[in-house]
Amino acid sequence: MIIDDDKEDRFFFREALTEMLSSAICLEAKDGVEALQQLRQTDQLPDFIFLDIYMPRIDGRECLKELKKDEQLKSIPVIMYSASITKQNIDEFHKLGALSCLKKPNNVNKLPKEILQTIGRPLQLT
């Protein structure tokens, strides 16, 4: 699942994911409110959640807190996904339960490889 308020970023993420695995289904939400509603109503939870930090209504930080408080959702690995990630952010997100952090690449052609690398390693800035 990709949670990002930027429609183009969601599109590029979905394209990168289907490039890696053509049978993959990518759930999308434009903010934390929409994501939590979708996740609480679905029978098929995602394998991973890529969560943008800066969004309206409920930002990534607050959405992560809500995900980790929910018994049904707390075991889903969450990767914080943003154009701007600092060492301080990484430390905070780790304490809140994020699996890892991925900085949005400048070149979308690198995204498939970076997604694969991120889901296979511990919390760090890429």
Protein backbone atom coordinates (compact mmCIF):
# COMPACT_ATOMS: atom_id res chain seq x y z
CA MET A 1 0.00 0.00 0.00
CA ILE A 2 1.16 3.52 -0.79
CA ILE A 3 -0.15 6.39 1.32
CA ASP A 4 0.80 9.71 -0.26
CA ASP A 5 -1.05 12.95 -0.94
CA ASP A 6 0.83 13.44 -4.23
CA LYS A 7 -1.10 11.73 -7.04
CA GLU A 8 1.98 11.54 -9.29
CA ASP A 9 4.08 9.95 -6.57
CA ARG A 10 1.38 7.30 -6.05
CA PHE A 11 1.34 6.67 -9.82
CA PHE A 12 5.14 6.26 -10.02
CA PHE A 13 5.15 4.00 -6.98
CA ARG A 14 2.39 1.79 -8.43
CA GLU A 15 4.24 1.60 -11.77
CA ALA A 16 7.50 0.67 -10.03
CA LEU A 17 5.77 -2.03 -8.02
CA THR A 18 4.05 -3.61 -11.02
CA GLU A 19 7.33 -3.46 -12.95
CA MET A 20 8.88 -5.65 -10.25
CA LEU A 21 5.90 -7.95 -9.88
CA SER A 22 3.22 -7.77 -12.53
CA SER A 23 0.67 -9.56 -10.37
CA ALA A 24 1.09 -7.14 -7.45
CA ILE A 25 -1.93 -5.19 -6.29
CA CYS A 26 -1.14 -1.77 -4.93
CA LEU A 27 -3.67 -0.18 -2.61
CA GLU A 28 -3.57 3.61 -2.56
CA ALA A 29 -4.68 6.33 -0.16
CA LYS A 30 -4.21 10.09 -0.40
CA ASP A 31 -3.79 10.62 3.35
CA GLY A 32 -3.80 8.88 6.71
CA VAL A 33 -7.54 9.22 7.25
CA GLU A 34 -8.37 7.49 3.96
CA ALA A 35 -5.72 4.83 4.57
CA LEU A 36 -6.98 3.91 8.03
CA GLN A 37 -10.56 3.69 6.74
CA GLN A 38 -9.51 1.40 3.88
CA LEU A 39 -7.35 -0.81 6.07
CA ARG A 40 -10.02 -1.24 8.74
CA GLN A 41 -12.56 -2.30 6.10
CA THR A 42 -10.52 -4.72 3.99
CA ASP A 43 -10.22 -8.47 4.35
CA GLN A 44 -6.84 -8.53 2.57
CA LEU A 45 -4.21 -6.50 4.42
CA PRO A 46 -1.14 -5.33 2.49
CA ASP A 47 2.26 -6.96 2.91
CA PHE A 48 3.91 -3.54 3.36
CA ILE A 49 2.81 0.06 3.78
CA PHE A 50 4.84 2.90 2.27
CA LEU A 51 3.82 6.00 4.20
CA ASP A 52 4.59 9.58 3.20
CA ILE A 53 5.52 11.83 6.11
CA TYR A 54 4.02 15.16 5.07
CA MET A 55 0.29 14.97 4.27
CA PRO A 56 -2.87 16.90 5.16
CA ARG A 57 -5.43 15.78 7.76
CA ILE A 58 -3.34 13.01 9.37
CA ASP A 59 0.36 13.13 8.51
CA GLY A 60 2.61 10.11 8.29
CA ARG A 61 3.81 10.37 11.89
CA GLU A 62 0.27 10.33 13.30
CA CYS A 63 -0.85 7.65 10.85
CA LEU A 64 2.06 5.43 11.95
CA LYS A 65 1.02 5.87 15.59
CA GLU A 66 -2.56 4.89 14.74
CA LEU A 67 -1.43 1.86 12.73
CA LYS A 68 0.72 0.60 15.60
CA LYS A 69 -2.10 1.06 18.14
CA ASP A 70 -4.55 -1.02 16.09
CA GLU A 71 -4.43 -4.75 16.96
CA GLN A 72 -5.44 -5.74 13.42
CA LEU A 73 -2.94 -3.43 11.66
CA LYS A 74 0.09 -3.18 13.95
CA SER A 75 1.95 -6.14 12.44
CA ILE A 76 2.02 -4.66 8.92
CA PRO A 77 5.59 -3.47 8.19
CA VAL A 78 5.62 0.30 7.57
CA ILE A 79 8.28 2.07 5.51
CA MET A 80 8.31 5.85 5.86
CA TYR A 81 8.56 7.33 2.37
CA SER A 82 9.39 10.97 1.75
CA ALA A 83 11.50 13.41 -0.23
CA SER A 84 12.85 14.77 3.05
CA ILE A 85 14.04 12.37 5.74
CA THR A 86 16.55 13.26 8.44
CA LYS A 87 18.51 11.14 10.93
CA GLN A 88 16.27 12.60 13.64
CA ASN A 89 13.17 11.44 11.71
CA ILE A 90 14.63 7.96 11.37
CA ASP A 91 15.24 7.66 15.09
CA GLU A 92 11.72 8.88 15.86
CA PHE A 93 10.06 6.56 13.32
CA HIS A 94 12.04 3.60 14.63
CA LYS A 95 10.73 4.29 18.14
CA LEU A 96 7.20 4.53 16.74
CA GLY A 97 7.51 1.13 15.04
CA ALA A 98 8.53 1.80 11.42
CA LEU A 99 10.50 -0.94 9.70
CA SER A 100 12.56 1.39 7.52
CA CYS A 101 12.73 4.72 5.71
CA LEU A 102 13.04 5.35 2.00
CA LYS A 103 13.87 8.71 0.51
CA LYS A 104 11.94 9.32 -2.70
CA PRO A 105 14.50 9.05 -5.51
CA ASN A 106 15.07 11.91 -7.96
CA ASN A 107 15.07 9.37 -10.77
CA VAL A 108 11.89 7.24 -10.81
CA ASN A 109 13.72 4.56 -12.81
CA LYS A 110 15.65 3.75 -9.62
CA LEU A 111 12.48 3.25 -7.59
CA PRO A 112 11.89 -0.49 -8.23
CA LYS A 113 15.39 -1.41 -7.05
CA GLU A 114 15.16 0.90 -4.04
CA ILE A 115 11.81 -0.56 -2.99
CA LEU A 116 13.26 -4.07 -3.11
CA GLN A 117 16.34 -3.03 -1.16
CA THR A 118 14.29 -1.24 1.48
CA ILE A 119 11.91 -4.07 2.28
CA GLY A 120 14.88 -6.35 2.85
CA ARG A 121 16.93 -4.30 5.32
CA PRO A 122 16.63 -2.73 8.79
CA LEU A 123 15.80 0.89 9.52
CA GLN A 124 18.17 3.33 7.83
CA LEU A 125 18.22 6.25 5.44
CA THR A 126 18.56 5.36 1.75
